[in-house]
C-alpha atoms as a PDB file:
ATOM      1  CA  MET A   1      -7.173  -2.331   1.753  1.00  0.00           C
ATOM      2  CA  THR A   2      -4.560  -4.551   0.121  1.00  0.00           C
ATOM      3  CA  ILE A   3      -1.066  -4.888   1.602  1.00  0.00           C
ATOM      4  CA  HIS A   4       1.886  -5.356  -0.736  1.00  0.00           C
ATOM      5  CA  ARG A   5       3.277  -8.879  -0.516  1.00  0.00           C
ATOM      6  CA  ASP A   6       6.886  -7.659  -0.344  1.00  0.00           C
ATOM      7  CA  GLY A   7       6.016  -5.635   2.755  1.00  0.00           C
ATOM      8  CA  LEU A   8       4.676  -8.523   4.816  1.00  0.00           C
ATOM      9  CA  GLY A   9       8.093  -9.611   6.092  1.00  0.00           C
ATOM     10  CA  THR A  10       9.006  -6.051   7.076  1.00  0.00           C
ATOM     11  CA  ILE A  11       5.672  -5.570   8.831  1.00  0.00           C
ATOM     12  CA  ALA A  12       6.096  -8.830  10.763  1.00  0.00           C
ATOM     13  CA  ALA A  13       9.645  -7.964  11.870  1.00  0.00           C
ATOM     14  CA  ILE A  14       8.712  -4.443  13.002  1.00  0.00           C
ATOM     15  CA  TRP A  15       5.586  -5.636  14.803  1.00  0.00           C
ATOM     16  CA  LEU A  16       7.551  -8.315  16.675  1.00  0.00           C
ATOM     17  CA  PHE A  17      10.184  -5.782  17.700  1.00  0.00           C
ATOM     18  CA  CYS A  18       7.592  -3.206  18.780  1.00  0.00           C
ATOM     19  CA  GLY A  19       5.632  -5.899  20.610  1.00  0.00           C
ATOM     20  CA  LEU A  20       8.745  -6.799  22.577  1.00  0.00           C
ATOM     21  CA  LEU A  21       9.370  -3.141  23.456  1.00  0.00           C
ATOM     22  CA  ILE A  22       5.740  -2.747  24.581  1.00  0.00           C
ATOM     23  CA  PHE A  23       6.039  -5.832  26.800  1.00  0.00           C
ATOM     24  CA  LEU A  24       9.271  -4.564  28.370  1.00  0.00           C
ATOM     25  CA  SER A  25       7.819  -1.088  28.840  1.00  0.00           C
ATOM     26  CA  LEU A  26       4.651  -2.272  30.582  1.00  0.00           C
ATOM     27  CA  HIS A  27       6.411  -4.801  32.788  1.00  0.00           C
ATOM     28  CA  PHE A  28       9.645  -3.050  33.747  1.00  0.00           C
ATOM     29  CA  ILE A  29       8.794   0.654  33.837  1.00  0.00           C
ATOM     30  CA  ALA A  30       7.043   1.321  37.102  1.00  0.00           C
ATOM     31  CA  TYR A  31       5.635   4.718  36.201  1.00  0.00           C
ATOM     32  CA  GLN A  32       2.553   4.608  33.970  1.00  0.00           C
ATOM     33  CA  PHE A  33       2.982   8.215  32.848  1.00  0.00           C
ATOM     34  CA  ILE A  34       6.150   6.943  31.123  1.00  0.00           C
ATOM     35  CA  SER A  35       5.169   3.411  30.007  1.00  0.00           C
ATOM     36  CA  PHE A  36       1.750   4.337  28.598  1.00  0.00           C
ATOM     37  CA  PRO A  37       2.995   7.103  26.241  1.00  0.00           C
ATOM     38  CA  ILE A  38       5.786   4.796  25.043  1.00  0.00           C
ATOM     39  CA  THR A  39       3.227   2.073  24.359  1.00  0.00           C
ATOM     40  CA  ALA A  40       0.936   4.494  22.525  1.00  0.00           C
ATOM     41  CA  ILE A  41       3.776   5.738  20.312  1.00  0.00           C
ATOM     42  CA  LEU A  42       4.820   2.173  19.452  1.00  0.00           C
ATOM     43  CA  VAL A  43       1.233   1.165  18.616  1.00  0.00           C
ATOM     44  CA  LEU A  44       0.839   4.197  16.350  1.00  0.00           C
ATOM     45  CA  PHE A  45       4.111   3.315  14.632  1.00  0.00           C
ATOM     46  CA  MET A  46       2.895  -0.260  14.067  1.00  0.00           C
ATOM     47  CA  ILE A  47      -0.295   1.075  12.477  1.00  0.00           C
ATOM     48  CA  PHE A  48       1.727   3.468  10.315  1.00  0.00           C
ATOM     49  CA  VAL A  49       3.994   0.654   9.048  1.00  0.00           C
ATOM     50  CA  PHE A  50       0.935  -1.408   8.127  1.00  0.00           C
ATOM     51  CA  PHE A  51      -0.568   1.595   6.309  1.00  0.00           C
ATOM     52  CA  PHE A  52       2.742   2.363   4.583  1.00  0.00           C
ATOM     53  CA  PHE A  53       2.678  -0.858   2.537  1.00  0.00           C
ATOM     54  CA  ARG A  54      -0.849  -0.374   1.242  1.00  0.00           C
ATOM     55  CA  VAL A  55      -1.592  -0.946  -2.449  1.00  0.00           C
ATOM     56  CA  PRO A  56      -4.011   1.667  -3.782  1.00  0.00           C
ATOM     57  CA  HIS A  57      -6.759   0.917  -6.275  1.00  0.00           C
ATOM     58  CA  ARG A  58      -6.332   3.359  -9.143  1.00  0.00           C
ATOM     59  CA  LYS A  59      -7.939   4.031 -12.504  1.00  0.00           C
ATOM     60  CA  THR A  60      -5.088   4.321 -14.995  1.00  0.00           C
ATOM     61  CA  ALA A  61      -5.068   7.150 -17.545  1.00  0.00           C
ATOM     62  CA  GLU A  62      -5.678   5.715 -21.017  1.00  0.00           C
ATOM     63  CA  GLY A  63      -3.639   6.157 -24.202  1.00  0.00           C
ATOM     64  CA  ASP A  64      -0.613   4.259 -25.515  1.00  0.00           C
ATOM     65  CA  ASN A  65       1.318   7.534 -25.813  1.00  0.00           C
ATOM     66  CA  VAL A  66       0.303   8.722 -22.332  1.00  0.00           C
ATOM     67  CA  VAL A  67       3.051   8.354 -19.699  1.00  0.00           C
ATOM     68  CA  THR A  68       1.712   8.131 -16.152  1.00  0.00           C
ATOM     69  CA  SER A  69       3.633   8.616 -12.926  1.00  0.00           C
ATOM     70  CA  VAL A  70       5.522   5.601 -11.613  1.00  0.00           C
ATOM     71  CA  ALA A  71       4.947   6.721  -8.029  1.00  0.00           C
ATOM     72  CA  ASP A  72       3.007   9.031  -5.722  1.00  0.00           C
ATOM     73  CA  GLY A  73       4.844  12.106  -4.528  1.00  0.00           C
ATOM     74  CA  GLU A  74       6.052  15.593  -5.456  1.00  0.00           C
ATOM     75  CA  VAL A  75       7.692  16.586  -8.727  1.00  0.00           C
ATOM     76  CA  VAL A  76      11.111  17.967  -7.720  1.00  0.00           C
ATOM     77  CA  ILE A  77      13.022  18.044 -11.021  1.00  0.00           C
ATOM     78  CA  ILE A  78      12.093  18.790 -14.635  1.00  0.00           C
ATOM     79  CA  GLU A  79      15.107  19.471 -16.821  1.00  0.00           C
ATOM     80  CA  LYS A  80      16.933  18.515 -19.983  1.00  0.00           C
ATOM     81  CA  VAL A  81      19.849  16.204 -19.153  1.00  0.00           C
ATOM     82  CA  TYR A  82      22.361  13.910 -20.788  1.00  0.00           C
ATOM     83  CA  GLU A  83      21.546  10.347 -19.675  1.00  0.00           C
ATOM     84  CA  LYS A  84      24.705   8.259 -19.973  1.00  0.00           C
ATOM     85  CA  GLU A  85      23.718   4.801 -18.742  1.00  0.00           C
ATOM     86  CA  TYR A  86      21.161   3.649 -21.297  1.00  0.00           C
ATOM     87  CA  ILE A  87      19.827   6.428 -23.512  1.00  0.00           C
ATOM     88  CA  ARG A  88      23.302   7.920 -24.006  1.00  0.00           C
ATOM     89  CA  GLY A  89      21.875  11.152 -25.230  1.00  0.00           C
ATOM     90  CA  GLU A  90      19.823  14.162 -24.248  1.00  0.00           C
ATOM     91  CA  CYS A  91      16.356  13.664 -22.786  1.00  0.00           C
ATOM     92  CA  ILE A  92      13.956  15.209 -20.289  1.00  0.00           C
ATOM     93  CA  GLN A  93      14.274  14.126 -16.664  1.00  0.00           C
ATOM     94  CA  VAL A  94      11.199  14.254 -14.445  1.00  0.00           C
ATOM     95  CA  SER A  95      11.831  13.244 -10.826  1.00  0.00           C
ATOM     96  CA  VAL A  96       9.207  12.418  -8.191  1.00  0.00           C
ATOM     97  CA  TYR A  97      10.146  12.429  -4.504  1.00  0.00           C
ATOM     98  CA  MET A  98       8.226  10.155  -2.143  1.00  0.00           C
ATOM     99  CA  ASP A  99       8.016  11.021   1.543  1.00  0.00           C
ATOM    100  CA  PHE A 100       7.050   8.664   4.382  1.00  0.00           C
ATOM    101  CA  PHE A 101       3.338   9.245   3.872  1.00  0.00           C
ATOM    102  CA  ASN A 102       3.187   8.498   0.152  1.00  0.00           C
ATOM    103  CA  VAL A 103       2.271   5.120  -1.303  1.00  0.00           C
ATOM    104  CA  HIS A 104       5.598   3.442  -2.104  1.00  0.00           C
ATOM    105  CA  VAL A 105       4.326   0.822  -4.547  1.00  0.00           C
ATOM    106  CA  ASN A 106       5.509   1.605  -8.086  1.00  0.00           C
ATOM    107  CA  PHE A 107       3.592   1.110 -11.343  1.00  0.00           C
ATOM    108  CA  TRP A 108       4.501   0.791 -15.015  1.00  0.00           C
ATOM    109  CA  PRO A 109       4.271   4.224 -16.738  1.00  0.00           C
ATOM    110  CA  ILE A 110       3.426   2.847 -20.197  1.00  0.00           C
ATOM    111  CA  SER A 111       2.466  -0.495 -21.696  1.00  0.00           C
ATOM    112  CA  GLY A 112       5.169  -2.169 -23.734  1.00  0.00           C
ATOM    113  CA  LYS A 113       8.201  -4.429 -23.823  1.00  0.00           C
ATOM    114  CA  VAL A 114      10.914  -4.245 -21.168  1.00  0.00           C
ATOM    115  CA  THR A 115      14.102  -3.473 -23.083  1.00  0.00           C
ATOM    116  CA  TYR A 116      16.548  -2.951 -20.206  1.00  0.00           C
ATOM    117  CA  TYR A 117      17.000  -3.755 -16.532  1.00  0.00           C
ATOM    118  CA  ARG A 118      19.966  -3.364 -14.202  1.00  0.00           C
ATOM    119  CA  TYR A 119      20.475  -3.203 -10.435  1.00  0.00           C
ATOM    120  CA  HIS A 120      23.115  -0.816  -9.071  1.00  0.00           C
ATOM    121  CA  PRO A 121      24.368  -1.151  -5.476  1.00  0.00           C
ATOM    122  CA  GLY A 122      25.348   2.179  -3.947  1.00  0.00           C
ATOM    123  CA  LYS A 123      25.116   4.718  -1.159  1.00  0.00           C
ATOM    124  CA  TYR A 124      22.109   5.982   0.811  1.00  0.00           C
ATOM    125  CA  LEU A 125      22.232   9.757   0.428  1.00  0.00           C
ATOM    126  CA  LEU A 126      19.089  11.818   0.975  1.00  0.00           C
ATOM    127  CA  ALA A 127      16.902  10.982  -2.020  1.00  0.00           C
ATOM    128  CA  PHE A 128      16.180  14.608  -2.981  1.00  0.00           C
ATOM    129  CA  LEU A 129      19.887  15.413  -3.520  1.00  0.00           C
ATOM    130  CA  PRO A 130      20.909  15.634  -7.219  1.00  0.00           C
ATOM    131  CA  LYS A 131      23.833  13.206  -6.789  1.00  0.00           C
ATOM    132  CA  ALA A 132      21.506  10.524  -5.412  1.00  0.00           C
ATOM    133  CA  SER A 133      20.564   9.616  -8.989  1.00  0.00           C
ATOM    134  CA  GLU A 134      24.095   8.376  -9.664  1.00  0.00           C
ATOM    135  CA  LEU A 135      25.474   7.411  -6.257  1.00  0.00           C
ATOM    136  CA  ASN A 136      22.570   5.791  -4.409  1.00  0.00           C
ATOM    137  CA  GLU A 137      21.441   2.204  -4.690  1.00  0.00           C
ATOM    138  CA  HIS A 138      18.998   2.038  -7.601  1.00  0.00           C
ATOM    139  CA  THR A 139      17.468  -0.008 -10.371  1.00  0.00           C
ATOM    140  CA  SER A 140      17.309   1.114 -14.002  1.00  0.00           C
ATOM    141  CA  VAL A 141      14.461   0.021 -16.267  1.00  0.00           C
ATOM    142  CA  ALA A 142      13.398   0.836 -19.823  1.00  0.00           C
ATOM    143  CA  VAL A 143      10.080  -0.024 -21.469  1.00  0.00           C
ATOM    144  CA  ARG A 144       9.180   0.606 -25.116  1.00  0.00           C
ATOM    145  CA  ASN A 145       6.064   0.659 -27.271  1.00  0.00           C
ATOM    146  CA  GLU A 146       5.217   2.007 -30.725  1.00  0.00           C
ATOM    147  CA  TRP A 147       5.239   5.594 -29.441  1.00  0.00           C
ATOM    148  CA  GLY A 148       8.693   5.524 -27.905  1.00  0.00           C
ATOM    149  CA  GLU A 149      10.663   4.457 -24.860  1.00  0.00           C
ATOM    150  CA  VAL A 150      10.542   5.467 -21.196  1.00  0.00           C
ATOM    151  CA  PHE A 151      13.591   4.906 -19.004  1.00  0.00           C
ATOM    152  CA  PHE A 152      13.252   5.222 -15.219  1.00  0.00           C
ATOM    153  CA  LYS A 153      15.176   4.616 -12.021  1.00  0.00           C
ATOM    154  CA  GLN A 154      13.977   3.536  -8.588  1.00  0.00           C
ATOM    155  CA  LEU A 155      16.310   5.311  -6.138  1.00  0.00           C
ATOM    156  CA  ALA A 156      16.943   4.320  -2.544  1.00  0.00           C
ATOM    157  CA  GLY A 157      17.112   7.081   0.053  1.00  0.00           C
ATOM    158  CA  THR A 158      18.649   7.393   3.510  1.00  0.00           C
ATOM    159  CA  PHE A 159      15.957   5.178   5.027  1.00  0.00           C
ATOM    160  CA  ALA A 160      14.910   3.267   1.892  1.00  0.00           C
ATOM    161  CA  ARG A 161      17.359   0.394   1.822  1.00  0.00           C
ATOM    162  CA  ARG A 162      15.290  -2.173   0.012  1.00  0.00           C
ATOM    163  CA  ILE A 163      14.244  -1.848  -3.623  1.00  0.00           C
ATOM    164  CA  VAL A 164      12.038  -4.476  -5.241  1.00  0.00           C
ATOM    165  CA  CYS A 165      11.701  -4.469  -9.032  1.00  0.00           C
ATOM    166  CA  TYR A 166       9.768  -6.977 -11.138  1.00  0.00           C
ATOM    167  CA  ALA A 167      11.276  -5.995 -14.517  1.00  0.00           C
ATOM    168  CA  GLU A 168      12.391  -8.830 -16.772  1.00  0.00           C
ATOM    169  CA  PRO A 169      13.952  -7.934 -20.148  1.00  0.00           C
ATOM    170  CA  GLY A 170      11.718  -9.104 -22.983  1.00  0.00           C
ATOM    171  CA  ALA A 171       8.549  -9.225 -20.882  1.00  0.00           C
ATOM    172  CA  GLU A 172       5.425  -7.410 -22.016  1.00  0.00           C
ATOM    173  CA  GLU A 173       4.042  -5.158 -19.282  1.00  0.00           C
ATOM    174  CA  THR A 174       0.788  -3.239 -18.853  1.00  0.00           C
ATOM    175  CA  LYS A 175       0.593   0.382 -17.740  1.00  0.00           C
ATOM    176  CA  GLY A 176      -0.855   0.758 -14.265  1.00  0.00           C
ATOM    177  CA  THR A 177       0.220  -2.674 -13.016  1.00  0.00           C
ATOM    178  CA  GLN A 178       2.826  -3.024 -10.285  1.00  0.00           C
ATOM    179  CA  CYS A 179       6.492  -2.875 -11.280  1.00  0.00           C
ATOM    180  CA  GLY A 180       7.943  -2.894  -7.767  1.00  0.00           C
ATOM    181  CA  ILE A 181       8.187  -1.105  -4.436  1.00  0.00           C
ATOM    182  CA  ILE A 182      10.735   1.028  -2.577  1.00  0.00           C
ATOM    183  CA  LYS A 183      10.657   0.829   1.193  1.00  0.00           C
ATOM    184  CA  PHE A 184      10.700   4.028   3.286  1.00  0.00           C
ATOM    185  CA  GLY A 185      11.311   7.341   1.512  1.00  0.00           C
ATOM    186  CA  SER A 186      12.853   7.493  -1.931  1.00  0.00           C
ATOM    187  CA  ARG A 187      12.709   8.919  -5.463  1.00  0.00           C
ATOM    188  CA  ILE A 188      11.780   7.994  -9.018  1.00  0.00           C
ATOM    189  CA  ASP A 189      13.688   9.506 -11.959  1.00  0.00           C
ATOM    190  CA  MET A 190      11.906   9.269 -15.317  1.00  0.00           C
ATOM    191  CA  TYR A 191      13.753   9.993 -18.580  1.00  0.00           C
ATOM    192  CA  LEU A 192      11.582  10.928 -21.554  1.00  0.00           C
ATOM    193  CA  PRO A 193      12.329  11.694 -25.233  1.00  0.00           C
ATOM    194  CA  LEU A 194      13.072  15.357 -25.979  1.00  0.00           C
ATOM    195  CA  GLY A 195       9.913  15.757 -28.040  1.00  0.00           C
ATOM    196  CA  SER A 196       7.639  14.685 -25.209  1.00  0.00           C
ATOM    197  CA  ASP A 197       4.851  17.029 -24.133  1.00  0.00           C
ATOM    198  CA  ILE A 198       5.414  17.412 -20.380  1.00  0.00           C
ATOM    199  CA  LYS A 199       2.157  17.825 -18.448  1.00  0.00           C
ATOM    200  CA  VAL A 200       3.457  18.548 -14.923  1.00  0.00           C
ATOM    201  CA  ASN A 201       5.420  21.288 -13.190  1.00  0.00           C
ATOM    202  CA  VAL A 202       7.939  21.313 -10.356  1.00  0.00           C
ATOM    203  CA  GLY A 203       6.047  21.294  -7.066  1.00  0.00           C
ATOM    204  CA  ASP A 204       3.047  19.354  -8.391  1.00  0.00           C
ATOM    205  CA  GLU A 205       1.713  16.485  -6.296  1.00  0.00           C
ATOM    206  CA  VAL A 206       1.271  13.409  -8.500  1.00  0.00           C
ATOM    207  CA  ARG A 207      -0.417  10.043  -8.128  1.00  0.00           C
ATOM    208  CA  ALA A 208       0.812   6.829  -9.721  1.00  0.00           C
ATOM    209  CA  CYS A 209      -1.357   5.556 -12.599  1.00  0.00           C
ATOM    210  CA  GLU A 210      -3.635   8.603 -12.547  1.00  0.00           C
ATOM    211  CA  THR A 211      -1.357  11.608 -13.109  1.00  0.00           C
ATOM    212  CA  VAL A 212      -0.185  12.115 -16.689  1.00  0.00           C
ATOM    213  CA  ILE A 213       3.507  13.029 -16.669  1.00  0.00           C
ATOM    214  CA  ALA A 214       3.864  13.428 -20.433  1.00  0.00           C
ATOM    215  CA  GLU A 215       2.558  12.499 -23.845  1.00  0.00           C
ATOM    216  CA  LEU A 216       4.963  10.865 -26.293  1.00  0.00           C
ATOM    217  CA  LYS A 217       5.151  12.266 -29.809  1.00  0.00           C
ATOM    218  CA  LYS A 218       6.145  10.334 -32.940  1.00  0.00           C
END
């Protein structure tokens, strides 16, 4: 199992803190029926944090017009919207919510040239709330190829207060390679051209790289 490099610092900090709490619990709580359960819970949490930053090995769906999911999670929104930041027109929004147990590494949905990137500081509302798309801390990225352009946002949630994005305008990126990571519970909003053939439904569980979100049409 590979661990994401941007999670190593977080893992180290949490492990040091939990290690200190375990030491204090075992040495200063006289009753084992209290100290042992506390220690067990902290050890399980340390294992969970290590597992949380795993990088999965995936086989990416092929096709230049095939748009794959940026993240693992559940599809919570599919609707026609007016996107005012970059597209400035109507498009189809597909949103994927990631809970604590999903892989939080993000992957490029199509191969192509990065045409836009911007970081937006903001609030930390619950990621599944509709207003989170505008008000929460997020990054905005667009990538284009001969079939069209996909615009997506990495949204912070109440507990996800660290977004890492590798997008650089002008860079050529490959579908299925890492584009960043969001730490601890969050959401991805994908904005697709109106003519796109959407392949998922609300409530579907999707996997980054493998699940086809849509097919672009010329």
